[in-house]
Amino acid sequence: MVNTSKQNVYGIYRRMSMDTHLLAQLGQALGRDFFRDLSESLGPKVEKELRQEDKIRRLSEEIEELKRHLHLPG
């Protein structure tokens, strides 16, 4: 149970963000792992960004190899 007033609960609900300690307390009181929920929701986005970074890296390497092949300056 989170020891707070009903008015404060409404204030928490309207916030754009909250500290991790409060989120942990609320999760414990509600029997919910909000950190897992957040991690799962961010997973696909992070994976997509990593794939994009990997693609950029590979294309940059390919460009450098083509420059060497064509004897172009760095």
C-alpha atoms as a PDB file:
ATOM      1  CA  MET A   1       0.000   0.000   0.000  1.00  0.00           C
ATOM      2  CA  VAL A   2       1.181   3.489  -0.843  1.00  0.00           C
ATOM      3  CA  ASN A   3       0.669   5.858   2.062  1.00  0.00           C
ATOM      4  CA  THR A   4      -0.726   8.958   0.329  1.00  0.00           C
ATOM      5  CA  SER A   5      -3.932  10.948  -0.002  1.00  0.00           C
ATOM      6  CA  LYS A   6      -6.506  10.467  -2.749  1.00  0.00           C
ATOM      7  CA  GLN A   7      -5.706  13.967  -4.044  1.00  0.00           C
ATOM      8  CA  ASN A   8      -2.019  13.074  -4.311  1.00  0.00           C
ATOM      9  CA  VAL A   9      -2.892   9.911  -6.248  1.00  0.00           C
ATOM     10  CA  TYR A  10      -4.751  12.046  -8.799  1.00  0.00           C
ATOM     11  CA  GLY A  11      -1.698  14.318  -8.983  1.00  0.00           C
ATOM     12  CA  ILE A  12       0.562  11.313  -9.617  1.00  0.00           C
ATOM     13  CA  TYR A  13      -1.763  10.151 -12.410  1.00  0.00           C
ATOM     14  CA  ARG A  14      -1.553  13.536 -14.176  1.00  0.00           C
ATOM     15  CA  ARG A  15       2.269  13.683 -14.109  1.00  0.00           C
ATOM     16  CA  MET A  16       4.285  13.271 -17.279  1.00  0.00           C
ATOM     17  CA  SER A  17       7.017  11.466 -15.314  1.00  0.00           C
ATOM     18  CA  MET A  18       7.837  10.133 -11.856  1.00  0.00           C
ATOM     19  CA  ASP A  19      10.896   8.930 -10.004  1.00  0.00           C
ATOM     20  CA  THR A  20      11.764   5.240 -10.006  1.00  0.00           C
ATOM     21  CA  HIS A  21      11.266   4.822  -6.260  1.00  0.00           C
ATOM     22  CA  LEU A  22       7.650   5.976  -6.518  1.00  0.00           C
ATOM     23  CA  LEU A  23       7.078   3.758  -9.558  1.00  0.00           C
ATOM     24  CA  ALA A  24       8.484   0.778  -7.626  1.00  0.00           C
ATOM     25  CA  GLN A  25       6.219   1.539  -4.636  1.00  0.00           C
ATOM     26  CA  LEU A  26       3.144   1.811  -6.840  1.00  0.00           C
ATOM     27  CA  GLY A  27       4.051  -1.391  -8.654  1.00  0.00           C
ATOM     28  CA  GLN A  28       4.500  -3.242  -5.391  1.00  0.00           C
ATOM     29  CA  ALA A  29       1.169  -1.946  -4.037  1.00  0.00           C
ATOM     30  CA  LEU A  30      -0.628  -2.926  -7.257  1.00  0.00           C
ATOM     31  CA  GLY A  31       1.211  -6.198  -7.811  1.00  0.00           C
ATOM     32  CA  ARG A  32       2.531  -4.973 -11.161  1.00  0.00           C
ATOM     33  CA  ASP A  33       6.055  -4.784 -12.574  1.00  0.00           C
ATOM     34  CA  PHE A  34       5.986  -1.433 -14.367  1.00  0.00           C
ATOM     35  CA  PHE A  35       9.705  -1.701 -15.113  1.00  0.00           C
ATOM     36  CA  ARG A  36       9.126  -4.896 -17.108  1.00  0.00           C
ATOM     37  CA  ASP A  37       6.213  -3.245 -18.912  1.00  0.00           C
ATOM     38  CA  LEU A  38       8.393  -0.270 -19.805  1.00  0.00           C
ATOM     39  CA  SER A  39      11.273  -2.474 -20.915  1.00  0.00           C
ATOM     40  CA  GLU A  40       9.014  -4.576 -23.131  1.00  0.00           C
ATOM     41  CA  SER A  41       7.459  -1.497 -24.713  1.00  0.00           C
ATOM     42  CA  LEU A  42      10.891  -0.026 -25.505  1.00  0.00           C
ATOM     43  CA  GLY A  43      12.385  -3.302 -26.743  1.00  0.00           C
ATOM     44  CA  PRO A  44      11.206  -3.137 -30.378  1.00  0.00           C
ATOM     45  CA  LYS A  45      12.250   0.511 -30.685  1.00  0.00           C
ATOM     46  CA  VAL A  46      15.718  -0.165 -29.287  1.00  0.00           C
ATOM     47  CA  GLU A  47      16.133  -3.215 -31.536  1.00  0.00           C
ATOM     48  CA  LYS A  48      15.130  -1.161 -34.589  1.00  0.00           C
ATOM     49  CA  GLU A  49      17.639   1.565 -33.677  1.00  0.00           C
ATOM     50  CA  LEU A  50      20.382  -1.040 -33.240  1.00  0.00           C
ATOM     51  CA  ARG A  51      19.573  -2.554 -36.634  1.00  0.00           C
ATOM     52  CA  GLN A  52      19.697   0.909 -38.203  1.00  0.00           C
ATOM     53  CA  GLU A  53      23.048   1.659 -36.544  1.00  0.00           C
ATOM     54  CA  ASP A  54      24.403  -1.669 -37.755  1.00  0.00           C
ATOM     55  CA  LYS A  55      23.209  -0.946 -41.294  1.00  0.00           C
ATOM     56  CA  ILE A  56      24.837   2.512 -41.211  1.00  0.00           C
ATOM     57  CA  ARG A  57      28.092   0.963 -39.985  1.00  0.00           C
ATOM     58  CA  ARG A  58      28.067  -1.678 -42.727  1.00  0.00           C
ATOM     59  CA  LEU A  59      27.293   0.906 -45.428  1.00  0.00           C
ATOM     60  CA  SER A  60      30.082   3.163 -44.161  1.00  0.00           C
ATOM     61  CA  GLU A  61      32.502   0.244 -44.344  1.00  0.00           C
ATOM     62  CA  GLU A  62      31.311  -0.503 -47.875  1.00  0.00           C
ATOM     63  CA  ILE A  63      31.849   3.132 -48.904  1.00  0.00           C
ATOM     64  CA  GLU A  64      35.393   3.040 -47.510  1.00  0.00           C
ATOM     65  CA  GLU A  65      36.100  -0.208 -49.366  1.00  0.00           C
ATOM     66  CA  LEU A  66      34.814   1.321 -52.618  1.00  0.00           C
ATOM     67  CA  LYS A  67      37.011   4.392 -52.078  1.00  0.00           C
ATOM     68  CA  ARG A  68      40.053   2.144 -51.635  1.00  0.00           C
ATOM     69  CA  HIS A  69      39.098   0.155 -54.715  1.00  0.00           C
ATOM     70  CA  LEU A  70      38.708   3.322 -56.801  1.00  0.00           C
ATOM     71  CA  HIS A  71      41.817   4.879 -55.217  1.00  0.00           C
ATOM     72  CA  LEU A  72      39.846   7.871 -53.916  1.00  0.00           C
ATOM     73  CA  PRO A  73      41.187   9.976 -51.039  1.00  0.00           C
ATOM     74  CA  GLY A  74      39.741   9.223 -47.567  1.00  0.00           C
END
